C-alpha atoms as a PDB file:
ATOM      1  CA  UNK A   1     182.742  -9.172 -14.695  1.00  0.00           C
ATOM      2  CA  UNK A   2     185.864 -10.478 -13.251  1.00  0.00           C
ATOM      3  CA  UNK A   3     188.226  -8.659 -11.451  1.00  0.00           C
ATOM      4  CA  UNK A   4     191.767  -9.383 -12.061  1.00  0.00           C
ATOM      5  CA  UNK A   5     195.151  -8.489  -9.566  1.00  0.00           C
ATOM      6  CA  UNK A   6     198.864  -9.011 -11.013  1.00  0.00           C
ATOM      7  CA  UNK A   7     200.713 -11.843  -9.859  1.00  0.00           C
ATOM      8  CA  UNK A   8     203.347  -9.683  -8.614  1.00  0.00           C
ATOM      9  CA  UNK A   9     201.185  -7.995  -6.401  1.00  0.00           C
ATOM     10  CA  UNK A  10     199.542 -10.975  -4.522  1.00  0.00           C
ATOM     11  CA  UNK A  11     200.954 -14.155  -1.739  1.00  0.00           C
ATOM     12  CA  UNK A  12     200.615 -17.671  -1.622  1.00  0.00           C
ATOM     13  CA  UNK A  13     198.052 -16.608   0.599  1.00  0.00           C
ATOM     14  CA  UNK A  14     195.577 -15.265  -1.935  1.00  0.00           C
ATOM     15  CA  UNK A  15     195.332 -18.298  -4.034  1.00  0.00           C
ATOM     16  CA  UNK A  16     193.214 -20.056  -0.744  1.00  0.00           C
ATOM     17  CA  UNK A  17     191.305 -16.958   0.077  1.00  0.00           C
ATOM     18  CA  UNK A  18     189.969 -15.810  -3.361  1.00  0.00           C
ATOM     19  CA  UNK A  19     190.206 -18.754  -5.241  1.00  0.00           C
ATOM     20  CA  UNK A  20     192.204 -20.912  -8.016  1.00  0.00           C
ATOM     21  CA  UNK A  21     195.002 -19.414  -9.681  1.00  0.00           C
ATOM     22  CA  UNK A  22     195.611 -18.306 -13.279  1.00  0.00           C
ATOM     23  CA  UNK A  23     198.811 -17.784 -15.717  1.00  0.00           C
ATOM     24  CA  UNK A  24     199.488 -14.527 -14.359  1.00  0.00           C
ATOM     25  CA  UNK A  25     196.392 -13.445 -12.743  1.00  0.00           C
ATOM     26  CA  UNK A  26     193.933 -14.518 -10.185  1.00  0.00           C
ATOM     27  CA  UNK A  27     190.208 -14.908 -10.244  1.00  0.00           C
ATOM     28  CA  UNK A  28     188.037 -13.404  -7.868  1.00  0.00           C
ATOM     29  CA  UNK A  29     184.763 -15.208  -7.280  1.00  0.00           C
ATOM     30  CA  UNK A  30     181.524 -13.337  -7.445  1.00  0.00           C
ATOM     31  CA  UNK A  31     180.770 -14.619  -3.925  1.00  0.00           C
ATOM     32  CA  UNK A  32     184.444 -14.303  -2.077  1.00  0.00           C
ATOM     33  CA  UNK A  33     183.860 -10.399  -3.880  1.00  0.00           C
ATOM     34  CA  UNK A  34     181.275  -9.140  -2.594  1.00  0.00           C
ATOM     35  CA  UNK A  35     181.857 -10.626   1.214  1.00  0.00           C
ATOM     36  CA  UNK A  36     184.716  -8.511   0.662  1.00  0.00           C
ATOM     37  CA  UNK A  37     183.290  -5.350  -0.364  1.00  0.00           C
ATOM     38  CA  UNK A  38     180.158  -5.485   2.196  1.00  0.00           C
ATOM     39  CA  UNK A  39     182.718  -6.388   5.145  1.00  0.00           C
ATOM     40  CA  UNK A  40     186.140  -5.046   4.324  1.00  0.00           C
ATOM     41  CA  UNK A  41     185.058  -1.570   2.433  1.00  0.00           C
ATOM     42  CA  UNK A  42     182.118  -1.052   3.991  1.00  0.00           C
ATOM     43  CA  UNK A  43     182.880  -1.486   7.977  1.00  0.00           C
ATOM     44  CA  UNK A  44     187.078  -1.407   7.965  1.00  0.00           C
ATOM     45  CA  UNK A  45     190.140  -3.612   7.107  1.00  0.00           C
ATOM     46  CA  UNK A  46     189.664  -7.640   7.880  1.00  0.00           C
ATOM     47  CA  UNK A  47     192.021  -9.778   8.454  1.00  0.00           C
ATOM     48  CA  UNK A  48     192.330 -11.422   5.227  1.00  0.00           C
ATOM     49  CA  UNK A  49     192.029  -7.709   3.406  1.00  0.00           C
ATOM     50  CA  UNK A  50     195.785  -7.172   4.947  1.00  0.00           C
ATOM     51  CA  UNK A  51     196.635 -10.179   3.102  1.00  0.00           C
ATOM     52  CA  UNK A  52     196.317  -8.311   0.203  1.00  0.00           C
ATOM     53  CA  UNK A  53     198.774  -6.170   0.368  1.00  0.00           C
ATOM     54  CA  UNK A  54     198.663  -3.125  -2.538  1.00  0.00           C
ATOM     55  CA  UNK A  55     195.113  -3.552  -3.854  1.00  0.00           C
ATOM     56  CA  UNK A  56     193.783  -2.742   0.005  1.00  0.00           C
ATOM     57  CA  UNK A  57     195.132   0.305  -0.550  1.00  0.00           C
ATOM     58  CA  UNK A  58     193.681   1.272  -3.954  1.00  0.00           C
ATOM     59  CA  UNK A  59     190.099   0.083  -2.391  1.00  0.00           C
ATOM     60  CA  UNK A  60     191.295   1.679   0.770  1.00  0.00           C
ATOM     61  CA  UNK A  61     190.895   4.978  -1.463  1.00  0.00           C
ATOM     62  CA  UNK A  62     188.386   4.564  -3.305  1.00  0.00           C
ATOM     63  CA  UNK A  63     186.330   3.944   0.189  1.00  0.00           C
ATOM     64  CA  UNK A  64     187.726   7.020   1.982  1.00  0.00           C
ATOM     65  CA  UNK A  65     186.398   8.956  -1.967  1.00  0.00           C
ATOM     66  CA  UNK A  66     183.095   7.491  -1.607  1.00  0.00           C
ATOM     67  CA  UNK A  67     182.230   8.295   1.958  1.00  0.00           C
ATOM     68  CA  UNK A  68     183.339  11.732   0.962  1.00  0.00           C
ATOM     69  CA  UNK A  69     180.994  12.309  -1.453  1.00  0.00           C
ATOM     70  CA  UNK A  70     178.139  10.293  -0.310  1.00  0.00           C
ATOM     71  CA  UNK A  71     178.722  11.881   3.062  1.00  0.00           C
ATOM     72  CA  UNK A  72     178.177  14.895   1.246  1.00  0.00           C
ATOM     73  CA  UNK A  73     175.132  14.197  -0.596  1.00  0.00           C
ATOM     74  CA  UNK A  74     173.550  12.871   2.407  1.00  0.00           C
ATOM     75  CA  UNK A  75     174.567  15.931   4.305  1.00  0.00           C
ATOM     76  CA  UNK A  76     172.887  17.697   1.921  1.00  0.00           C
ATOM     77  CA  UNK A  77     169.453  16.216   2.261  1.00  0.00           C
ATOM     78  CA  UNK A  78     169.629  16.139   5.921  1.00  0.00           C
ATOM     79  CA  UNK A  79     169.500  20.175   5.998  1.00  0.00           C
ATOM     80  CA  UNK A  80     166.847  20.061   3.332  1.00  0.00           C
ATOM     81  CA  UNK A  81     164.954  17.697   5.756  1.00  0.00           C
ATOM     82  CA  UNK A  82     165.591  20.344   8.753  1.00  0.00           C
ATOM     83  CA  UNK A  83     163.965  23.109   6.770  1.00  0.00           C
ATOM     84  CA  UNK A  84     167.269  24.258   5.416  1.00  0.00           C
ATOM     85  CA  UNK A  85     167.056  26.860   2.683  1.00  0.00           C
ATOM     86  CA  UNK A  86     169.060  25.102  -0.352  1.00  0.00           C
ATOM     87  CA  UNK A  87     171.826  27.786  -0.312  1.00  0.00           C
ATOM     88  CA  UNK A  88     172.441  26.554   3.754  1.00  0.00           C
ATOM     89  CA  UNK A  89     171.988  22.886   3.011  1.00  0.00           C
ATOM     90  CA  UNK A  90     174.669  23.189  -0.190  1.00  0.00           C
ATOM     91  CA  UNK A  91     176.871  25.038   2.213  1.00  0.00           C
ATOM     92  CA  UNK A  92     176.763  22.558   5.201  1.00  0.00           C
ATOM     93  CA  UNK A  93     177.303  19.593   2.991  1.00  0.00           C
ATOM     94  CA  UNK A  94     180.366  22.019   0.967  1.00  0.00           C
ATOM     95  CA  UNK A  95     181.653  22.662   4.172  1.00  0.00           C
ATOM     96  CA  UNK A  96     181.519  18.747   5.610  1.00  0.00           C
ATOM     97  CA  UNK A  97     182.985  17.020   2.737  1.00  0.00           C
ATOM     98  CA  UNK A  98     186.061  20.335   2.643  1.00  0.00           C
ATOM     99  CA  UNK A  99     186.838  18.728   6.458  1.00  0.00           C
ATOM    100  CA  UNK A 100     187.338  15.326   5.200  1.00  0.00           C
ATOM    101  CA  UNK A 101     189.038  16.224   2.452  1.00  0.00           C
ATOM    102  CA  UNK A 102     191.124  18.656   5.097  1.00  0.00           C
ATOM    103  CA  UNK A 103     191.747  15.427   6.952  1.00  0.00           C
ATOM    104  CA  UNK A 104     193.238  13.706   4.463  1.00  0.00           C
ATOM    105  CA  UNK A 105     195.512  16.252   3.289  1.00  0.00           C
ATOM    106  CA  UNK A 106     196.824  16.988   6.216  1.00  0.00           C
ATOM    107  CA  UNK A 107     196.923  13.403   7.057  1.00  0.00           C
ATOM    108  CA  UNK A 108     199.319  13.054   4.239  1.00  0.00           C
ATOM    109  CA  UNK A 109     196.625   9.273   3.568  1.00  0.00           C
ATOM    110  CA  UNK A 110     193.974   7.829   3.273  1.00  0.00           C
ATOM    111  CA  UNK A 111     191.590   7.555   6.599  1.00  0.00           C
ATOM    112  CA  UNK A 112     190.885   3.628   7.608  1.00  0.00           C
ATOM    113  CA  UNK A 113     188.134   4.713   9.263  1.00  0.00           C
ATOM    114  CA  UNK A 114     185.340   1.870   8.136  1.00  0.00           C
ATOM    115  CA  UNK A 115     182.617   4.001   5.913  1.00  0.00           C
ATOM    116  CA  UNK A 116     179.992   3.766   7.980  1.00  0.00           C
ATOM    117  CA  UNK A 117     181.729   5.660  10.539  1.00  0.00           C
ATOM    118  CA  UNK A 118     182.322   8.368   8.303  1.00  0.00           C
ATOM    119  CA  UNK A 119     178.932   8.791   6.477  1.00  0.00           C
ATOM    120  CA  UNK A 120     177.314   9.336  10.444  1.00  0.00           C
ATOM    121  CA  UNK A 121     179.256  12.189  10.524  1.00  0.00           C
ATOM    122  CA  UNK A 122     176.238  13.574   7.724  1.00  0.00           C
ATOM    123  CA  UNK A 123     173.805  13.372  11.073  1.00  0.00           C
ATOM    124  CA  UNK A 124     175.975  15.652  13.397  1.00  0.00           C
ATOM    125  CA  UNK A 125     173.558  18.442  13.768  1.00  0.00           C
ATOM    126  CA  UNK A 126     176.263  21.333  13.958  1.00  0.00           C
ATOM    127  CA  UNK A 127     176.296  20.526  10.252  1.00  0.00           C
ATOM    128  CA  UNK A 128     172.870  21.367  10.157  1.00  0.00           C
ATOM    129  CA  UNK A 129     172.996  24.468  11.816  1.00  0.00           C
ATOM    130  CA  UNK A 130     171.986  27.752   9.299  1.00  0.00           C
ATOM    131  CA  UNK A 131     174.731  30.380  11.192  1.00  0.00           C
ATOM    132  CA  UNK A 132     173.659  33.926  10.746  1.00  0.00           C
ATOM    133  CA  UNK A 133     175.815  35.446   8.352  1.00  0.00           C
ATOM    134  CA  UNK A 134     176.848  33.113   5.950  1.00  0.00           C
ATOM    135  CA  UNK A 135     180.586  35.152   5.547  1.00  0.00           C
ATOM    136  CA  UNK A 136     181.089  32.229   8.147  1.00  0.00           C
ATOM    137  CA  UNK A 137     181.481  30.141   5.611  1.00  0.00           C
ATOM    138  CA  UNK A 138     183.626  31.966   3.354  1.00  0.00           C
ATOM    139  CA  UNK A 139     186.103  32.655   7.052  1.00  0.00           C
ATOM    140  CA  UNK A 140     185.968  28.807   7.854  1.00  0.00           C
ATOM    141  CA  UNK A 141     187.022  27.734   4.717  1.00  0.00           C
ATOM    142  CA  UNK A 142     189.331  30.522   4.408  1.00  0.00           C
ATOM    143  CA  UNK A 143     191.272  29.011   7.833  1.00  0.00           C
ATOM    144  CA  UNK A 144     191.724  25.512   6.190  1.00  0.00           C
ATOM    145  CA  UNK A 145     192.868  26.667   3.368  1.00  0.00           C
ATOM    146  CA  UNK A 146     195.715  28.216   5.432  1.00  0.00           C
ATOM    147  CA  UNK A 147     195.964  25.986   8.196  1.00  0.00           C
ATOM    148  CA  UNK A 148     196.997  23.161   4.874  1.00  0.00           C
ATOM    149  CA  UNK A 149     199.629  25.855   3.578  1.00  0.00           C
ATOM    150  CA  UNK A 150     201.140  25.406   6.861  1.00  0.00           C
ATOM    151  CA  UNK A 151     201.341  21.939   7.106  1.00  0.00           C
ATOM    152  CA  UNK A 152     202.237  21.160   3.794  1.00  0.00           C
ATOM    153  CA  UNK A 153     204.639  24.477   3.861  1.00  0.00           C
ATOM    154  CA  UNK A 154     206.852  23.658   7.242  1.00  0.00           C
ATOM    155  CA  UNK A 155     209.022  26.747   6.670  1.00  0.00           C
ATOM    156  CA  UNK A 156     206.695  29.245   6.810  1.00  0.00           C
ATOM    157  CA  UNK A 157     203.490  26.998   9.243  1.00  0.00           C
ATOM    158  CA  UNK A 158     203.781  29.635  11.827  1.00  0.00           C
ATOM    159  CA  UNK A 159     202.959  32.469   9.516  1.00  0.00           C
ATOM    160  CA  UNK A 160     199.967  30.876   8.170  1.00  0.00           C
ATOM    161  CA  UNK A 161     199.051  29.018  10.573  1.00  0.00           C
ATOM    162  CA  UNK A 162     198.752  31.671  13.071  1.00  0.00           C
ATOM    163  CA  UNK A 163     196.644  33.589   9.560  1.00  0.00           C
ATOM    164  CA  UNK A 164     194.490  30.824   9.715  1.00  0.00           C
ATOM    165  CA  UNK A 165     194.044  30.827  13.838  1.00  0.00           C
ATOM    166  CA  UNK A 166     193.397  34.675  13.371  1.00  0.00           C
ATOM    167  CA  UNK A 167     190.261  33.673  11.090  1.00  0.00           C
ATOM    168  CA  UNK A 168     189.604  31.867  13.430  1.00  0.00           C
ATOM    169  CA  UNK A 169     189.287  33.878  15.915  1.00  0.00           C
ATOM    170  CA  UNK A 170     187.272  36.738  13.823  1.00  0.00           C
ATOM    171  CA  UNK A 171     184.563  34.067  12.562  1.00  0.00           C
ATOM    172  CA  UNK A 172     184.251  32.899  15.792  1.00  0.00           C
ATOM    173  CA  UNK A 173     183.753  36.999  17.600  1.00  0.00           C
ATOM    174  CA  UNK A 174     180.909  37.164  14.251  1.00  0.00           C
ATOM    175  CA  UNK A 175     179.323  33.936  15.368  1.00  0.00           C
ATOM    176  CA  UNK A 176     179.120  34.786  18.994  1.00  0.00           C
ATOM    177  CA  UNK A 177     177.465  38.013  18.136  1.00  0.00           C
ATOM    178  CA  UNK A 178     181.178  39.982  20.157  1.00  0.00           C
ATOM    179  CA  UNK A 179     181.251  41.757  16.005  1.00  0.00           C
ATOM    180  CA  UNK A 180     177.491  43.096  15.197  1.00  0.00           C
ATOM    181  CA  UNK A 181     179.140  43.506  11.672  1.00  0.00           C
ATOM    182  CA  UNK A 182     182.547  42.990  10.192  1.00  0.00           C
ATOM    183  CA  UNK A 183     184.362  45.250  12.116  1.00  0.00           C
ATOM    184  CA  UNK A 184     181.652  46.906  14.683  1.00  0.00           C
ATOM    185  CA  UNK A 185     182.314  45.218  18.263  1.00  0.00           C
ATOM    186  CA  UNK A 186     180.021  44.648  19.953  1.00  0.00           C
ATOM    187  CA  UNK A 187     181.291  45.308  23.404  1.00  0.00           C
ATOM    188  CA  UNK A 188     178.041  44.939  25.483  1.00  0.00           C
ATOM    189  CA  UNK A 189     178.084  41.115  25.115  1.00  0.00           C
ATOM    190  CA  UNK A 190     181.199  41.145  27.154  1.00  0.00           C
ATOM    191  CA  UNK A 191     181.364  39.656  30.373  1.00  0.00           C
ATOM    192  CA  UNK A 192     183.148  42.879  31.648  1.00  0.00           C
ATOM    193  CA  UNK A 193     180.934  45.183  30.305  1.00  0.00           C
ATOM    194  CA  UNK A 194     177.411  43.709  31.246  1.00  0.00           C
ATOM    195  CA  UNK A 195     175.951  46.223  32.659  1.00  0.00           C
ATOM    196  CA  UNK A 196     173.897  44.086  34.796  1.00  0.00           C
ATOM    197  CA  UNK A 197     176.283  41.716  36.504  1.00  0.00           C
ATOM    198  CA  UNK A 198     178.320  45.413  37.388  1.00  0.00           C
ATOM    199  CA  UNK A 199     175.546  46.448  39.149  1.00  0.00           C
ATOM    200  CA  UNK A 200     175.198  43.173  41.088  1.00  0.00           C
ATOM    201  CA  UNK A 201     178.747  43.265  41.994  1.00  0.00           C
ATOM    202  CA  UNK A 202     177.951  46.860  43.608  1.00  0.00           C
ATOM    203  CA  UNK A 203     175.277  45.994  45.482  1.00  0.00           C
ATOM    204  CA  UNK A 204     177.637  42.721  46.777  1.00  0.00           C
ATOM    205  CA  UNK A 205     180.285  45.212  47.355  1.00  0.00           C
ATOM    206  CA  UNK A 206     178.429  47.681  49.580  1.00  0.00           C
ATOM    207  CA  UNK A 207     175.684  44.785  51.082  1.00  0.00           C
ATOM    208  CA  UNK A 208     177.920  41.764  52.222  1.00  0.00           C
ATOM    209  CA  UNK A 209     179.060  43.035  56.211  1.00  0.00           C
ATOM    210  CA  UNK A 210     179.418  39.285  57.044  1.00  0.00           C
ATOM    211  CA  UNK A 211     183.016  40.423  54.983  1.00  0.00           C
ATOM    212  CA  UNK A 212     186.118  42.650  55.480  1.00  0.00           C
ATOM    213  CA  UNK A 213     185.453  45.740  52.796  1.00  0.00           C
ATOM    214  CA  UNK A 214     189.031  44.892  51.415  1.00  0.00           C
ATOM    215  CA  UNK A 215     187.829  40.941  50.601  1.00  0.00           C
ATOM    216  CA  UNK A 216     184.922  42.105  48.986  1.00  0.00           C
ATOM    217  CA  UNK A 217     186.639  44.506  46.464  1.00  0.00           C
ATOM    218  CA  UNK A 218     188.271  41.479  45.166  1.00  0.00           C
ATOM    219  CA  UNK A 219     185.777  38.933  45.721  1.00  0.00           C
ATOM    220  CA  UNK A 220     183.039  40.887  44.441  1.00  0.00           C
ATOM    221  CA  UNK A 221     185.443  42.591  41.295  1.00  0.00           C
ATOM    222  CA  UNK A 222     187.769  42.089  38.973  1.00  0.00           C
ATOM    223  CA  UNK A 223     188.186  37.774  39.945  1.00  0.00           C
ATOM    224  CA  UNK A 224     184.331  37.928  39.196  1.00  0.00           C
ATOM    225  CA  UNK A 225     184.749  37.765  36.118  1.00  0.00           C
ATOM    226  CA  UNK A 226     188.050  35.281  35.836  1.00  0.00           C
ATOM    227  CA  UNK A 227     185.054  32.913  38.093  1.00  0.00           C
ATOM    228  CA  UNK A 228     182.483  34.564  35.420  1.00  0.00           C
ATOM    229  CA  UNK A 229     184.976  32.921  32.669  1.00  0.00           C
ATOM    230  CA  UNK A 230     185.285  29.811  33.738  1.00  0.00           C
ATOM    231  CA  UNK A 231     182.113  28.692  34.753  1.00  0.00           C
ATOM    232  CA  UNK A 232     181.104  29.686  31.241  1.00  0.00           C
ATOM    233  CA  UNK A 233     183.180  27.629  29.518  1.00  0.00           C
ATOM    234  CA  UNK A 234     182.795  24.572  32.263  1.00  0.00           C
ATOM    235  CA  UNK A 235     179.009  25.167  31.680  1.00  0.00           C
ATOM    236  CA  UNK A 236     179.374  25.383  27.235  1.00  0.00           C
ATOM    237  CA  UNK A 237     180.629  21.929  27.687  1.00  0.00           C
ATOM    238  CA  UNK A 238     178.593  19.951  29.605  1.00  0.00           C
ATOM    239  CA  UNK A 239     177.383  16.490  28.391  1.00  0.00           C
ATOM    240  CA  UNK A 240     174.369  17.754  27.487  1.00  0.00           C
ATOM    241  CA  UNK A 241     175.287  20.858  24.892  1.00  0.00           C
ATOM    242  CA  UNK A 242     177.823  18.088  23.655  1.00  0.00           C
ATOM    243  CA  UNK A 243     175.203  15.645  23.275  1.00  0.00           C
ATOM    244  CA  UNK A 244     172.947  18.038  20.919  1.00  0.00           C
ATOM    245  CA  UNK A 245     175.623  19.482  18.520  1.00  0.00           C
ATOM    246  CA  UNK A 246     178.286  16.400  17.715  1.00  0.00           C
ATOM    247  CA  UNK A 247     175.830  13.165  18.863  1.00  0.00           C
ATOM    248  CA  UNK A 248     176.471  10.941  21.629  1.00  0.00           C
ATOM    249  CA  UNK A 249     177.889   8.229  19.331  1.00  0.00           C
ATOM    250  CA  UNK A 250     180.561  11.213  19.309  1.00  0.00           C
ATOM    251  CA  UNK A 251     181.183  12.049  22.426  1.00  0.00           C
ATOM    252  CA  UNK A 252     183.711   9.538  23.600  1.00  0.00           C
ATOM    253  CA  UNK A 253     186.030   9.326  19.996  1.00  0.00           C
ATOM    254  CA  UNK A 254     186.192  12.992  20.608  1.00  0.00           C
ATOM    255  CA  UNK A 255     187.648  12.807  24.231  1.00  0.00           C
ATOM    256  CA  UNK A 256     190.210   9.673  23.288  1.00  0.00           C
ATOM    257  CA  UNK A 257     191.033  12.027  20.139  1.00  0.00           C
ATOM    258  CA  UNK A 258     192.349  15.173  22.469  1.00  0.00           C
ATOM    259  CA  UNK A 259     193.612  12.590  24.113  1.00  0.00           C
ATOM    260  CA  UNK A 260     195.409  11.348  21.146  1.00  0.00           C
ATOM    261  CA  UNK A 261     196.083  14.600  19.519  1.00  0.00           C
ATOM    262  CA  UNK A 262     197.987  16.210  22.687  1.00  0.00           C
ATOM    263  CA  UNK A 263     200.519  13.043  22.514  1.00  0.00           C
ATOM    264  CA  UNK A 264     201.204  13.562  19.298  1.00  0.00           C
ATOM    265  CA  UNK A 265     200.836  17.452  19.784  1.00  0.00           C
ATOM    266  CA  UNK A 266     204.436  17.868  17.426  1.00  0.00           C
ATOM    267  CA  UNK A 267     202.528  17.009  14.482  1.00  0.00           C
ATOM    268  CA  UNK A 268     201.225  20.071  13.226  1.00  0.00           C
ATOM    269  CA  UNK A 269     197.988  19.415  12.685  1.00  0.00           C
ATOM    270  CA  UNK A 270     197.411  17.670  16.205  1.00  0.00           C
ATOM    271  CA  UNK A 271     198.547  21.363  17.487  1.00  0.00           C
ATOM    272  CA  UNK A 272     196.324  22.723  15.133  1.00  0.00           C
ATOM    273  CA  UNK A 273     192.843  21.127  16.293  1.00  0.00           C
ATOM    274  CA  UNK A 274     193.690  21.462  19.799  1.00  0.00           C
ATOM    275  CA  UNK A 275     194.535  25.015  19.912  1.00  0.00           C
ATOM    276  CA  UNK A 276     192.181  26.021  17.801  1.00  0.00           C
ATOM    277  CA  UNK A 277     189.569  24.283  19.434  1.00  0.00           C
ATOM    278  CA  UNK A 278     191.099  26.100  22.837  1.00  0.00           C
ATOM    279  CA  UNK A 279     190.640  29.176  20.622  1.00  0.00           C
ATOM    280  CA  UNK A 280     187.122  29.070  20.186  1.00  0.00           C
ATOM    281  CA  UNK A 281     186.803  28.064  23.723  1.00  0.00           C
ATOM    282  CA  UNK A 282     188.228  31.195  24.896  1.00  0.00           C
ATOM    283  CA  UNK A 283     185.360  33.353  22.887  1.00  0.00           C
ATOM    284  CA  UNK A 284     183.227  31.505  24.531  1.00  0.00           C
ATOM    285  CA  UNK A 285     183.946  32.044  27.552  1.00  0.00           C
ATOM    286  CA  UNK A 286     183.985  36.450  27.563  1.00  0.00           C
ATOM    287  CA  UNK A 287     180.304  35.767  26.086  1.00  0.00           C
ATOM    288  CA  UNK A 288     177.749  36.829  28.287  1.00  0.00           C
ATOM    289  CA  UNK A 289     175.189  34.464  26.622  1.00  0.00           C
ATOM    290  CA  UNK A 290     177.308  31.673  24.496  1.00  0.00           C
ATOM    291  CA  UNK A 291     175.244  29.677  22.374  1.00  0.00           C
ATOM    292  CA  UNK A 292     176.446  25.993  21.387  1.00  0.00           C
ATOM    293  CA  UNK A 293     176.288  26.258  17.632  1.00  0.00           C
ATOM    294  CA  UNK A 294     177.316  29.311  17.428  1.00  0.00           C
ATOM    295  CA  UNK A 295     180.267  29.159  19.442  1.00  0.00           C
ATOM    296  CA  UNK A 296     181.320  25.626  17.880  1.00  0.00           C
ATOM    297  CA  UNK A 297     180.683  26.541  14.529  1.00  0.00           C
ATOM    298  CA  UNK A 298     184.003  27.898  13.738  1.00  0.00           C
ATOM    299  CA  UNK A 299     185.543  24.499  15.135  1.00  0.00           C
ATOM    300  CA  UNK A 300     183.772  22.279  13.612  1.00  0.00           C
ATOM    301  CA  UNK A 301     186.320  20.838  11.227  1.00  0.00           C
ATOM    302  CA  UNK A 302     188.696  20.670  14.072  1.00  0.00           C
ATOM    303  CA  UNK A 303     186.449  18.722  16.162  1.00  0.00           C
ATOM    304  CA  UNK A 304     185.343  16.045  13.054  1.00  0.00           C
ATOM    305  CA  UNK A 305     189.042  15.700  12.910  1.00  0.00           C
ATOM    306  CA  UNK A 306     189.138  14.582  16.357  1.00  0.00           C
ATOM    307  CA  UNK A 307     186.728  12.314  16.289  1.00  0.00           C
ATOM    308  CA  UNK A 308     188.292  10.710  12.865  1.00  0.00           C
ATOM    309  CA  UNK A 309     191.454  10.533  15.368  1.00  0.00           C
ATOM    310  CA  UNK A 310     189.133   9.375  18.519  1.00  0.00           C
ATOM    311  CA  UNK A 311     187.688   6.655  16.408  1.00  0.00           C
ATOM    312  CA  UNK A 312     190.655   4.567  15.567  1.00  0.00           C
ATOM    313  CA  UNK A 313     191.047   3.457  19.528  1.00  0.00           C
ATOM    314  CA  UNK A 314     187.325   2.465  19.498  1.00  0.00           C
ATOM    315  CA  UNK A 315     185.656  -0.782  18.557  1.00  0.00           C
ATOM    316  CA  UNK A 316     183.407  -0.440  15.389  1.00  0.00           C
ATOM    317  CA  UNK A 317     180.091  -2.379  17.200  1.00  0.00           C
ATOM    318  CA  UNK A 318     180.329  -0.122  19.980  1.00  0.00           C
ATOM    319  CA  UNK A 319     180.540   3.223  18.087  1.00  0.00           C
ATOM    320  CA  UNK A 320     177.589   1.315  16.259  1.00  0.00           C
ATOM    321  CA  UNK A 321     175.528   0.856  19.261  1.00  0.00           C
ATOM    322  CA  UNK A 322     176.225   4.043  20.453  1.00  0.00           C
ATOM    323  CA  UNK A 323     174.911   5.686  16.962  1.00  0.00           C
ATOM    324  CA  UNK A 324     171.967   3.834  16.981  1.00  0.00           C
ATOM    325  CA  UNK A 325     171.437   5.272  20.422  1.00  0.00           C
ATOM    326  CA  UNK A 326     171.883   8.840  19.142  1.00  0.00           C
ATOM    327  CA  UNK A 327     169.422   8.630  17.108  1.00  0.00           C
ATOM    328  CA  UNK A 328     166.635   7.142  18.875  1.00  0.00           C
ATOM    329  CA  UNK A 329     167.120   9.945  21.872  1.00  0.00           C
ATOM    330  CA  UNK A 330     166.948  12.620  19.283  1.00  0.00           C
ATOM    331  CA  UNK A 331     163.251  10.935  17.541  1.00  0.00           C
ATOM    332  CA  UNK A 332     162.269  10.742  20.801  1.00  0.00           C
ATOM    333  CA  UNK A 333     162.946  14.335  22.234  1.00  0.00           C
ATOM    334  CA  UNK A 334     161.938  15.316  18.697  1.00  0.00           C
ATOM    335  CA  UNK A 335     158.159  13.579  19.634  1.00  0.00           C
END
């Protein structure tokens, strides 16, 4: 099969790069075309692809669609290998696919992330997690839709973005066990309603004689809950927890993505990503015993966006090396 491109869309460099010029078209030799697919489509834009102009945009669009499809498919099979039910496998794979589509629609362009990077998202452990309530999938997708409408319709952006945040908070409360049902709060899981913690605080207020009583009232009173709140958040974002939920290879891109998103915070999608992840962390902080998977589940699409944003400032070889190390460590921990 011969691939032809109109002469009007090619430059003089095309002749020396892809072959001989005939009439109003350029013929692509099989070897050059194969090399172009393997290097440019799988591993991203190269120096040769920049010379092609519009052709690369078409390939980039197809590459991203192919990445979404294959990533969704791989995620489904990985969920089955993790012994999840068919329903959970379908929901998790669709959630990952919708997250990748959300990134494209929110950015308004196809990402230049190499296909191998996109495929690696299917191995992120949080997309193999089975939440306690399937309703969380519906709430998370609803949040994505509200955020997308807010981005596409700037006149009502604050209204729709707020609705998305409220749904996200509601889902985070349910996933953290702070709501035992849709509208029934479980106040025993809140840090300031923990009976065991209150009992210990009373013992310290009475028994800590080395401190004046007014200082004991302050240190072992409401201030303790503020300290407990920040301690839980700090313990929640440890290297081990992040490694278990998003893989080792994605930690550095996530940090770069947060930095880039903060620098571009005037763009609504970046503001939504930072604020949404922050709200999920706050919900985890007020929980007496937060679970890393349940707490981060409602922020999964936003984490994927931040990771994708950070991949733009990371070399392919470094990411692939970290990804291989992540797979080796994951398999070693299961032995």
